[in-house]
C-alpha atoms as a PDB file:
ATOM      1  CA  MET A   1     107.295  38.079 176.713  1.00  0.00           C
ATOM      2  CA  PRO A   2     107.302  40.816 173.661  1.00  0.00           C
ATOM      3  CA  LYS A   3     109.646  39.946 171.096  1.00  0.00           C
ATOM      4  CA  VAL A   4     111.887  43.342 172.081  1.00  0.00           C
ATOM      5  CA  ALA A   5     112.315  43.266 176.080  1.00  0.00           C
ATOM      6  CA  ILE A   6     112.962  46.719 177.386  1.00  0.00           C
ATOM      7  CA  VAL A   7     115.578  47.557 179.669  1.00  0.00           C
ATOM      8  CA  THR A   8     115.968  50.654 181.817  1.00  0.00           C
ATOM      9  CA  ASP A   9     117.935  51.596 185.092  1.00  0.00           C
ATOM     10  CA  SER A  10     116.496  52.105 188.943  1.00  0.00           C
ATOM     11  CA  THR A  11     116.397  56.014 188.452  1.00  0.00           C
ATOM     12  CA  ALA A  12     113.357  55.740 186.346  1.00  0.00           C
ATOM     13  CA  TYR A  13     111.681  54.662 189.155  1.00  0.00           C
ATOM     14  CA  LEU A  14     108.499  53.560 187.363  1.00  0.00           C
ATOM     15  CA  PRO A  15     105.580  52.024 189.807  1.00  0.00           C
ATOM     16  CA  LYS A  16     106.092  48.263 189.979  1.00  0.00           C
ATOM     17  CA  GLU A  17     102.414  47.682 188.490  1.00  0.00           C
ATOM     18  CA  LEU A  18     103.509  49.316 185.165  1.00  0.00           C
ATOM     19  CA  LEU A  19     107.049  47.197 185.447  1.00  0.00           C
ATOM     20  CA  ASN A  20     104.936  44.071 185.719  1.00  0.00           C
ATOM     21  CA  GLN A  21     102.335  45.075 183.241  1.00  0.00           C
ATOM     22  CA  TYR A  22     105.047  45.576 180.303  1.00  0.00           C
ATOM     23  CA  GLN A  23     107.536  43.204 181.718  1.00  0.00           C
ATOM     24  CA  ILE A  24     110.290  45.890 181.887  1.00  0.00           C
ATOM     25  CA  GLU A  25     113.643  44.877 183.400  1.00  0.00           C
ATOM     26  CA  VAL A  26     115.520  47.108 185.656  1.00  0.00           C
ATOM     27  CA  ALA A  27     119.100  47.358 186.283  1.00  0.00           C
ATOM     28  CA  PRO A  28     119.884  48.879 189.916  1.00  0.00           C
ATOM     29  CA  GLN A  29     122.157  51.790 190.433  1.00  0.00           C
ATOM     30  CA  VAL A  30     124.499  51.359 193.547  1.00  0.00           C
ATOM     31  CA  LEU A  31     124.061  53.336 196.637  1.00  0.00           C
ATOM     32  CA  ILE A  32     127.341  53.176 199.104  1.00  0.00           C
ATOM     33  CA  TRP A  33     126.814  54.205 202.594  1.00  0.00           C
ATOM     34  CA  ASN A  34     129.352  53.882 205.376  1.00  0.00           C
ATOM     35  CA  GLY A  35     130.986  50.765 204.111  1.00  0.00           C
ATOM     36  CA  GLU A  36     127.629  49.021 203.093  1.00  0.00           C
ATOM     37  CA  THR A  37     126.738  48.537 199.500  1.00  0.00           C
ATOM     38  CA  PHE A  38     123.030  48.552 198.401  1.00  0.00           C
ATOM     39  CA  GLU A  39     121.051  48.362 195.284  1.00  0.00           C
ATOM     40  CA  ASP A  40     118.773  51.255 194.546  1.00  0.00           C
ATOM     41  CA  GLY A  41     115.355  50.378 194.973  1.00  0.00           C
ATOM     42  CA  VAL A  42     115.940  46.959 195.733  1.00  0.00           C
ATOM     43  CA  THR A  43     117.853  46.292 198.935  1.00  0.00           C
ATOM     44  CA  ILE A  44     117.303  49.959 200.021  1.00  0.00           C
ATOM     45  CA  LEU A  45     114.052  51.610 199.284  1.00  0.00           C
ATOM     46  CA  PRO A  46     112.887  55.311 199.949  1.00  0.00           C
ATOM     47  CA  ASN A  47     111.401  55.209 203.445  1.00  0.00           C
ATOM     48  CA  GLU A  48     114.273  53.254 204.640  1.00  0.00           C
ATOM     49  CA  PHE A  49     116.634  55.837 202.955  1.00  0.00           C
ATOM     50  CA  TYR A  50     115.290  58.915 204.339  1.00  0.00           C
ATOM     51  CA  SER A  51     114.729  57.575 207.858  1.00  0.00           C
ATOM     52  CA  ARG A  52     118.448  56.571 207.840  1.00  0.00           C
ATOM     53  CA  LEU A  53     119.498  60.267 206.365  1.00  0.00           C
ATOM     54  CA  LYS A  54     118.133  62.034 209.168  1.00  0.00           C
ATOM     55  CA  THR A  55     120.670  61.071 211.590  1.00  0.00           C
ATOM     56  CA  ALA A  56     123.378  59.785 209.097  1.00  0.00           C
ATOM     57  CA  LYS A  57     127.006  61.108 210.340  1.00  0.00           C
ATOM     58  CA  VAL A  58     128.591  59.993 206.698  1.00  0.00           C
ATOM     59  CA  MET A  59     126.728  60.777 203.722  1.00  0.00           C
ATOM     60  CA  PRO A  60     126.196  58.167 200.896  1.00  0.00           C
ATOM     61  CA  THR A  61     127.797  58.081 197.677  1.00  0.00           C
ATOM     62  CA  THR A  62     126.270  56.597 194.391  1.00  0.00           C
ATOM     63  CA  SER A  63     127.847  54.734 191.600  1.00  0.00           C
ATOM     64  CA  GLN A  64     126.398  53.574 188.260  1.00  0.00           C
ATOM     65  CA  ALA A  65     124.722  50.297 187.489  1.00  0.00           C
ATOM     66  CA  THR A  66     127.377  47.509 187.106  1.00  0.00           C
ATOM     67  CA  PRO A  67     127.999  45.645 183.921  1.00  0.00           C
ATOM     68  CA  LYS A  68     127.505  42.499 186.040  1.00  0.00           C
ATOM     69  CA  SER A  69     123.820  43.701 186.542  1.00  0.00           C
ATOM     70  CA  PHE A  70     123.099  44.255 182.870  1.00  0.00           C
ATOM     71  CA  LYS A  71     124.857  41.352 181.884  1.00  0.00           C
ATOM     72  CA  ALA A  72     122.594  38.963 184.199  1.00  0.00           C
ATOM     73  CA  ILE A  73     119.497  40.858 182.675  1.00  0.00           C
ATOM     74  CA  PHE A  74     120.951  40.328 179.111  1.00  0.00           C
ATOM     75  CA  GLU A  75     121.838  36.867 179.286  1.00  0.00           C
ATOM     76  CA  LYS A  76     118.242  36.021 180.863  1.00  0.00           C
ATOM     77  CA  LEU A  77     116.219  37.904 177.747  1.00  0.00           C
ATOM     78  CA  ILE A  78     118.493  36.172 175.094  1.00  0.00           C
ATOM     79  CA  GLU A  79     117.861  32.887 176.463  1.00  0.00           C
ATOM     80  CA  GLN A  80     114.115  33.715 176.428  1.00  0.00           C
ATOM     81  CA  GLY A  81     114.632  34.676 172.644  1.00  0.00           C
ATOM     82  CA  ALA A  82     114.112  38.332 172.912  1.00  0.00           C
ATOM     83  CA  SER A  83     115.824  40.862 171.219  1.00  0.00           C
ATOM     84  CA  ILE A  84     116.795  44.178 173.828  1.00  0.00           C
ATOM     85  CA  LEU A  85     116.483  47.826 173.931  1.00  0.00           C
ATOM     86  CA  ALA A  86     117.922  49.481 176.865  1.00  0.00           C
ATOM     87  CA  ILE A  87     116.867  53.057 177.799  1.00  0.00           C
ATOM     88  CA  LEU A  88     119.342  54.720 180.383  1.00  0.00           C
ATOM     89  CA  ILE A  89     119.905  57.830 182.343  1.00  0.00           C
ATOM     90  CA  SER A  90     122.026  60.310 180.505  1.00  0.00           C
ATOM     91  CA  GLU A  91     125.506  59.640 180.145  1.00  0.00           C
ATOM     92  CA  LYS A  92     126.226  63.381 181.294  1.00  0.00           C
ATOM     93  CA  LEU A  93     125.121  62.246 184.885  1.00  0.00           C
ATOM     94  CA  SER A  94     126.135  58.515 185.142  1.00  0.00           C
ATOM     95  CA  GLY A  95     128.334  56.270 183.671  1.00  0.00           C
ATOM     96  CA  THR A  96     125.444  53.641 183.672  1.00  0.00           C
ATOM     97  CA  ILE A  97     125.445  53.622 179.616  1.00  0.00           C
ATOM     98  CA  ALA A  98     129.137  52.679 179.476  1.00  0.00           C
ATOM     99  CA  SER A  99     128.195  49.479 181.768  1.00  0.00           C
ATOM    100  CA  ALA A 100     125.689  48.415 179.402  1.00  0.00           C
ATOM    101  CA  TYR A 101     128.021  48.717 176.673  1.00  0.00           C
ATOM    102  CA  GLN A 102     130.491  46.624 178.702  1.00  0.00           C
ATOM    103  CA  ALA A 103     127.949  43.807 179.211  1.00  0.00           C
ATOM    104  CA  LYS A 104     126.943  43.921 175.625  1.00  0.00           C
ATOM    105  CA  GLU A 105     130.612  42.762 174.588  1.00  0.00           C
ATOM    106  CA  TYR A 106     129.844  39.547 176.228  1.00  0.00           C
ATOM    107  CA  PHE A 107     127.035  38.644 173.722  1.00  0.00           C
ATOM    108  CA  PRO A 108     128.615  39.272 170.246  1.00  0.00           C
ATOM    109  CA  GLY A 109     126.058  38.990 167.568  1.00  0.00           C
ATOM    110  CA  ALA A 110     122.939  39.506 169.895  1.00  0.00           C
ATOM    111  CA  ALA A 111     120.228  41.940 169.092  1.00  0.00           C
ATOM    112  CA  ILE A 112     121.023  44.511 171.799  1.00  0.00           C
ATOM    113  CA  GLU A 113     120.579  48.293 171.146  1.00  0.00           C
ATOM    114  CA  ILE A 114     121.325  51.078 173.917  1.00  0.00           C
ATOM    115  CA  VAL A 115     119.728  54.524 173.858  1.00  0.00           C
ATOM    116  CA  ASP A 116     120.672  57.448 176.241  1.00  0.00           C
ATOM    117  CA  SER A 117     117.474  58.896 177.237  1.00  0.00           C
ATOM    118  CA  HIS A 118     118.912  62.447 178.139  1.00  0.00           C
ATOM    119  CA  SER A 119     117.195  62.306 181.151  1.00  0.00           C
ATOM    120  CA  THR A 120     116.156  60.341 184.220  1.00  0.00           C
ATOM    121  CA  ALA A 121     113.300  60.096 186.728  1.00  0.00           C
ATOM    122  CA  MET A 122     109.896  59.885 185.085  1.00  0.00           C
ATOM    123  CA  ALA A 123     110.875  61.714 182.089  1.00  0.00           C
ATOM    124  CA  MET A 124     113.052  58.544 181.208  1.00  0.00           C
ATOM    125  CA  GLY A 125     110.101  56.636 182.624  1.00  0.00           C
ATOM    126  CA  PHE A 126     107.582  57.952 180.092  1.00  0.00           C
ATOM    127  CA  GLN A 127     110.319  57.054 177.222  1.00  0.00           C
ATOM    128  CA  VAL A 128     110.484  53.653 178.622  1.00  0.00           C
ATOM    129  CA  LEU A 129     106.686  52.980 178.792  1.00  0.00           C
ATOM    130  CA  THR A 130     106.132  54.501 175.408  1.00  0.00           C
ATOM    131  CA  VAL A 131     108.576  52.106 173.725  1.00  0.00           C
ATOM    132  CA  ALA A 132     107.322  49.200 176.042  1.00  0.00           C
ATOM    133  CA  ARG A 133     103.595  49.735 174.818  1.00  0.00           C
ATOM    134  CA  ALA A 134     104.994  49.600 171.243  1.00  0.00           C
ATOM    135  CA  ALA A 135     106.802  46.266 171.935  1.00  0.00           C
ATOM    136  CA  LYS A 136     103.870  44.779 173.660  1.00  0.00           C
ATOM    137  CA  GLU A 137     102.121  45.476 170.294  1.00  0.00           C
ATOM    138  CA  GLY A 138     104.605  43.945 168.180  1.00  0.00           C
ATOM    139  CA  ALA A 139     107.045  46.688 167.163  1.00  0.00           C
ATOM    140  CA  SER A 140     110.365  45.332 165.922  1.00  0.00           C
ATOM    141  CA  LEU A 141     113.710  46.260 167.508  1.00  0.00           C
ATOM    142  CA  ALA A 142     114.537  49.027 164.663  1.00  0.00           C
ATOM    143  CA  GLU A 143     111.021  50.529 165.118  1.00  0.00           C
ATOM    144  CA  CYS A 144     111.490  50.510 169.014  1.00  0.00           C
ATOM    145  CA  LYS A 145     114.714  52.037 168.785  1.00  0.00           C
ATOM    146  CA  LYS A 146     113.648  54.713 166.659  1.00  0.00           C
ATOM    147  CA  LEU A 147     110.762  55.508 168.729  1.00  0.00           C
ATOM    148  CA  ALA A 148     112.655  55.979 171.674  1.00  0.00           C
ATOM    149  CA  GLU A 149     115.189  58.316 170.031  1.00  0.00           C
ATOM    150  CA  GLU A 150     111.982  60.267 169.199  1.00  0.00           C
ATOM    151  CA  ALA A 151     110.245  60.131 172.515  1.00  0.00           C
ATOM    152  CA  ARG A 152     113.062  61.564 174.195  1.00  0.00           C
ATOM    153  CA  ASN A 153     112.594  64.948 172.185  1.00  0.00           C
ATOM    154  CA  HIS A 154     109.285  65.118 173.801  1.00  0.00           C
ATOM    155  CA  THR A 155     110.152  64.811 177.483  1.00  0.00           C
ATOM    156  CA  GLY A 156     111.307  66.965 180.232  1.00  0.00           C
ATOM    157  CA  VAL A 157     111.392  67.834 183.887  1.00  0.00           C
ATOM    158  CA  VAL A 158     111.219  70.461 186.060  1.00  0.00           C
ATOM    159  CA  PHE A 159     111.889  70.430 189.817  1.00  0.00           C
ATOM    160  CA  ALA A 160     112.508  72.248 192.833  1.00  0.00           C
ATOM    161  CA  VAL A 161     114.870  71.430 195.613  1.00  0.00           C
ATOM    162  CA  ASP A 162     115.061  72.714 199.374  1.00  0.00           C
ATOM    163  CA  THR A 163     118.773  73.044 199.067  1.00  0.00           C
ATOM    164  CA  LEU A 164     121.378  73.005 196.491  1.00  0.00           C
ATOM    165  CA  GLU A 165     123.732  71.355 199.199  1.00  0.00           C
ATOM    166  CA  PHE A 166     122.759  67.694 197.875  1.00  0.00           C
ATOM    167  CA  LEU A 167     123.617  68.589 194.261  1.00  0.00           C
ATOM    168  CA  HIS A 168     126.606  70.701 195.132  1.00  0.00           C
ATOM    169  CA  ARG A 169     128.147  67.287 196.875  1.00  0.00           C
ATOM    170  CA  GLY A 170     127.508  65.588 193.907  1.00  0.00           C
ATOM    171  CA  GLY A 171     128.981  67.946 191.386  1.00  0.00           C
ATOM    172  CA  ARG A 172     125.889  68.264 189.767  1.00  0.00           C
ATOM    173  CA  ILE A 173     125.772  72.266 190.115  1.00  0.00           C
ATOM    174  CA  GLY A 174     128.597  74.815 190.651  1.00  0.00           C
ATOM    175  CA  GLY A 175     129.505  76.171 193.804  1.00  0.00           C
ATOM    176  CA  ALA A 176     128.334  79.860 193.093  1.00  0.00           C
ATOM    177  CA  ALA A 177     124.680  78.710 192.485  1.00  0.00           C
ATOM    178  CA  ARG A 178     125.119  76.839 196.055  1.00  0.00           C
ATOM    179  CA  TYR A 179     126.285  79.863 197.553  1.00  0.00           C
ATOM    180  CA  LEU A 180     123.166  82.069 196.317  1.00  0.00           C
ATOM    181  CA  GLY A 181     120.692  79.440 197.394  1.00  0.00           C
ATOM    182  CA  MET A 182     122.089  79.307 200.955  1.00  0.00           C
ATOM    183  CA  ALA A 183     122.607  83.084 201.107  1.00  0.00           C
ATOM    184  CA  PHE A 184     118.984  84.213 200.410  1.00  0.00           C
ATOM    185  CA  ASN A 185     117.348  81.048 201.488  1.00  0.00           C
ATOM    186  CA  ILE A 186     115.958  80.518 197.927  1.00  0.00           C
ATOM    187  CA  LYS A 187     113.982  77.641 196.713  1.00  0.00           C
ATOM    188  CA  PRO A 188     115.904  76.717 193.439  1.00  0.00           C
ATOM    189  CA  ILE A 189     113.830  75.780 190.333  1.00  0.00           C
ATOM    190  CA  LEU A 190     115.662  73.323 188.249  1.00  0.00           C
ATOM    191  CA  GLU A 191     115.403  71.542 184.875  1.00  0.00           C
ATOM    192  CA  LEU A 192     116.918  68.804 182.910  1.00  0.00           C
ATOM    193  CA  LYS A 193     118.168  69.997 179.654  1.00  0.00           C
ATOM    194  CA  GLU A 194     120.187  68.073 177.016  1.00  0.00           C
ATOM    195  CA  GLY A 195     121.326  65.646 179.840  1.00  0.00           C
ATOM    196  CA  ARG A 196     122.111  68.329 182.386  1.00  0.00           C
ATOM    197  CA  VAL A 197     120.822  69.885 185.238  1.00  0.00           C
ATOM    198  CA  GLU A 198     120.236  73.550 184.837  1.00  0.00           C
ATOM    199  CA  ALA A 199     119.190  76.425 187.378  1.00  0.00           C
ATOM    200  CA  VAL A 200     115.787  78.116 185.578  1.00  0.00           C
ATOM    201  CA  ASP A 201     114.468  80.260 188.427  1.00  0.00           C
ATOM    202  CA  ARG A 202     114.480  80.605 192.142  1.00  0.00           C
ATOM    203  CA  VAL A 203     111.308  81.750 194.594  1.00  0.00           C
ATOM    204  CA  ARG A 204     111.391  82.589 198.238  1.00  0.00           C
ATOM    205  CA  THR A 205     108.367  79.979 199.597  1.00  0.00           C
ATOM    206  CA  ARG A 206     107.269  76.500 198.863  1.00  0.00           C
ATOM    207  CA  ALA A 207     103.874  77.461 197.618  1.00  0.00           C
ATOM    208  CA  LYS A 208     105.747  79.675 195.201  1.00  0.00           C
ATOM    209  CA  SER A 209     108.064  76.771 194.181  1.00  0.00           C
ATOM    210  CA  ILE A 210     104.861  74.586 193.521  1.00  0.00           C
ATOM    211  CA  SER A 211     102.939  76.960 191.611  1.00  0.00           C
ATOM    212  CA  ARG A 212     106.200  78.022 189.568  1.00  0.00           C
ATOM    213  CA  VAL A 213     107.142  74.484 188.560  1.00  0.00           C
ATOM    214  CA  VAL A 214     103.388  73.986 187.058  1.00  0.00           C
ATOM    215  CA  GLU A 215     104.010  77.429 185.177  1.00  0.00           C
ATOM    216  CA  LEU A 216     107.272  76.303 183.822  1.00  0.00           C
ATOM    217  CA  VAL A 217     106.025  72.793 182.639  1.00  0.00           C
ATOM    218  CA  GLU A 218     103.042  74.752 180.923  1.00  0.00           C
ATOM    219  CA  GLU A 219     105.673  76.725 178.965  1.00  0.00           C
ATOM    220  CA  ARG A 220     107.497  73.897 177.914  1.00  0.00           C
ATOM    221  CA  ILE A 221     104.582  71.888 176.609  1.00  0.00           C
ATOM    222  CA  ASN A 222     103.064  74.957 175.062  1.00  0.00           C
ATOM    223  CA  ARG A 223     100.455  73.534 172.842  1.00  0.00           C
ATOM    224  CA  ARG A 224     101.673  70.122 172.083  1.00  0.00           C
ATOM    225  CA  ARG A 225      99.253  67.458 172.922  1.00  0.00           C
ATOM    226  CA  PRO A 226      98.614  64.757 174.400  1.00  0.00           C
ATOM    227  CA  VAL A 227     100.145  65.438 177.526  1.00  0.00           C
ATOM    228  CA  ARG A 228     101.226  62.907 180.262  1.00  0.00           C
ATOM    229  CA  LEU A 229     102.445  64.163 183.753  1.00  0.00           C
ATOM    230  CA  ALA A 230     104.190  62.184 186.518  1.00  0.00           C
ATOM    231  CA  THR A 231     105.380  63.839 190.053  1.00  0.00           C
ATOM    232  CA  LEU A 232     108.854  63.035 191.538  1.00  0.00           C
ATOM    233  CA  HIS A 233     109.641  63.581 195.129  1.00  0.00           C
ATOM    234  CA  ALA A 234     111.958  62.980 197.494  1.00  0.00           C
ATOM    235  CA  ASN A 235     110.094  62.343 201.017  1.00  0.00           C
ATOM    236  CA  ALA A 236     107.505  65.174 200.261  1.00  0.00           C
ATOM    237  CA  PRO A 237     104.438  62.975 199.035  1.00  0.00           C
ATOM    238  CA  GLU A 238     101.993  65.974 200.333  1.00  0.00           C
ATOM    239  CA  ASP A 239     103.651  68.583 198.334  1.00  0.00           C
ATOM    240  CA  ALA A 240     104.050  66.043 195.308  1.00  0.00           C
ATOM    241  CA  GLN A 241     100.215  65.154 195.361  1.00  0.00           C
ATOM    242  CA  GLU A 242      99.302  69.113 195.285  1.00  0.00           C
ATOM    243  CA  LEU A 243     101.639  69.615 192.562  1.00  0.00           C
ATOM    244  CA  LEU A 244     100.164  66.965 190.676  1.00  0.00           C
ATOM    245  CA  ARG A 245      96.660  68.426 191.634  1.00  0.00           C
ATOM    246  CA  LEU A 246      97.633  71.847 190.413  1.00  0.00           C
ATOM    247  CA  GLY A 247      99.527  70.357 187.102  1.00  0.00           C
ATOM    248  CA  ARG A 248      96.054  68.622 186.364  1.00  0.00           C
ATOM    249  CA  GLU A 249      93.864  71.522 186.884  1.00  0.00           C
ATOM    250  CA  LYS A 250      95.971  73.743 184.532  1.00  0.00           C
ATOM    251  CA  ILE A 251      96.972  71.082 182.075  1.00  0.00           C
ATOM    252  CA  GLU A 252      94.816  68.545 180.503  1.00  0.00           C
ATOM    253  CA  THR A 253      96.231  64.971 180.543  1.00  0.00           C
ATOM    254  CA  VAL A 254      95.863  61.584 179.129  1.00  0.00           C
ATOM    255  CA  GLU A 255      97.847  59.883 181.713  1.00  0.00           C
ATOM    256  CA  HIS A 256      99.109  60.860 185.313  1.00  0.00           C
ATOM    257  CA  ILE A 257     101.230  58.840 187.419  1.00  0.00           C
ATOM    258  CA  PHE A 258     102.288  59.427 191.194  1.00  0.00           C
ATOM    259  CA  SER A 259     105.903  58.774 191.654  1.00  0.00           C
ATOM    260  CA  GLU A 260     108.906  59.153 194.032  1.00  0.00           C
ATOM    261  CA  VAL A 261     112.439  59.194 193.204  1.00  0.00           C
ATOM    262  CA  SER A 262     114.731  56.258 193.817  1.00  0.00           C
ATOM    263  CA  PRO A 263     117.436  56.523 196.965  1.00  0.00           C
ATOM    264  CA  VAL A 264     120.209  57.096 194.415  1.00  0.00           C
ATOM    265  CA  ILE A 265     118.455  60.122 192.975  1.00  0.00           C
ATOM    266  CA  GLY A 266     117.298  61.385 196.308  1.00  0.00           C
ATOM    267  CA  THR A 267     121.166  61.012 197.467  1.00  0.00           C
ATOM    268  CA  HIS A 268     121.889  64.030 194.774  1.00  0.00           C
ATOM    269  CA  ALA A 269     118.607  66.003 194.879  1.00  0.00           C
ATOM    270  CA  GLY A 270     118.215  65.915 198.748  1.00  0.00           C
ATOM    271  CA  PRO A 271     115.091  65.469 201.087  1.00  0.00           C
ATOM    272  CA  GLY A 272     112.131  67.946 199.923  1.00  0.00           C
ATOM    273  CA  THR A 273     112.782  67.745 196.402  1.00  0.00           C
ATOM    274  CA  ILE A 274     109.385  67.886 194.288  1.00  0.00           C
ATOM    275  CA  GLY A 275     108.979  68.126 190.495  1.00  0.00           C
ATOM    276  CA  LEU A 276     107.039  67.285 187.469  1.00  0.00           C
ATOM    277  CA  ALA A 277     108.035  64.955 184.662  1.00  0.00           C
ATOM    278  CA  PHE A 278     106.104  65.378 181.364  1.00  0.00           C
ATOM    279  CA  MET A 279     105.602  63.865 177.784  1.00  0.00           C
ATOM    280  CA  ALA A 280     103.975  66.181 175.011  1.00  0.00           C
ATOM    281  CA  GLY A 281     103.081  65.675 171.749  1.00  0.00           C
ATOM    282  CA  MET A 282     103.136  61.910 171.175  1.00  0.00           C
END
């Protein structure tokens, strides 16, 4: 194991082969559904989640990864002699960072650093990967933390939702925006900016939403190189594949990853959500 162990939360939803390759630890978010509690991406996976959602009379709710989860991860890593860097979902979207700090209090004097990614999904995933690769090459905890804080300025995510209903239910977007989406049957285009969900455009068809997401990502990247792209999708693999194909056609990349979103993110974004996360310039 690298001398600096990297921890993230399940909303990054990095492919398992990358988690294994870089020995990245994941604290699961919590999904609560009709009295049952699930660990995000562990005891409930996307296929099961969307299958159940189709017939659900009660909608799921979510809660942040628990201090108990972080405590167990930290304890294991400390016993293995590692320093720890946790890169986690934006504190403007979740209380996960507060849980990690609560867990840290159990280990006074331990080398544990916690960084707000200002993001989630694969925008956070690319930050995690960048730091995990540096840790594997022997970077120190201070060097890894500095790299994490730099990396978040080079990442972003633009996405299209089928409906604003799910974001509205979760309090992630205002009622007026929801009304506009329903009244005109539009496809809203959103992005994460400084840790918050913001509306950036709206279009009328699915095909246009795919092309518009790519256009907006091109604008955000501008001339920065190298570029890494990753999809995110909520039960929309074919559209996500087309989005990645078009993105790679328009933007030269050094890495591309096909990824979906975890059930917890799917709860807030809603089925049919597709998007592109990027890292540019490092």
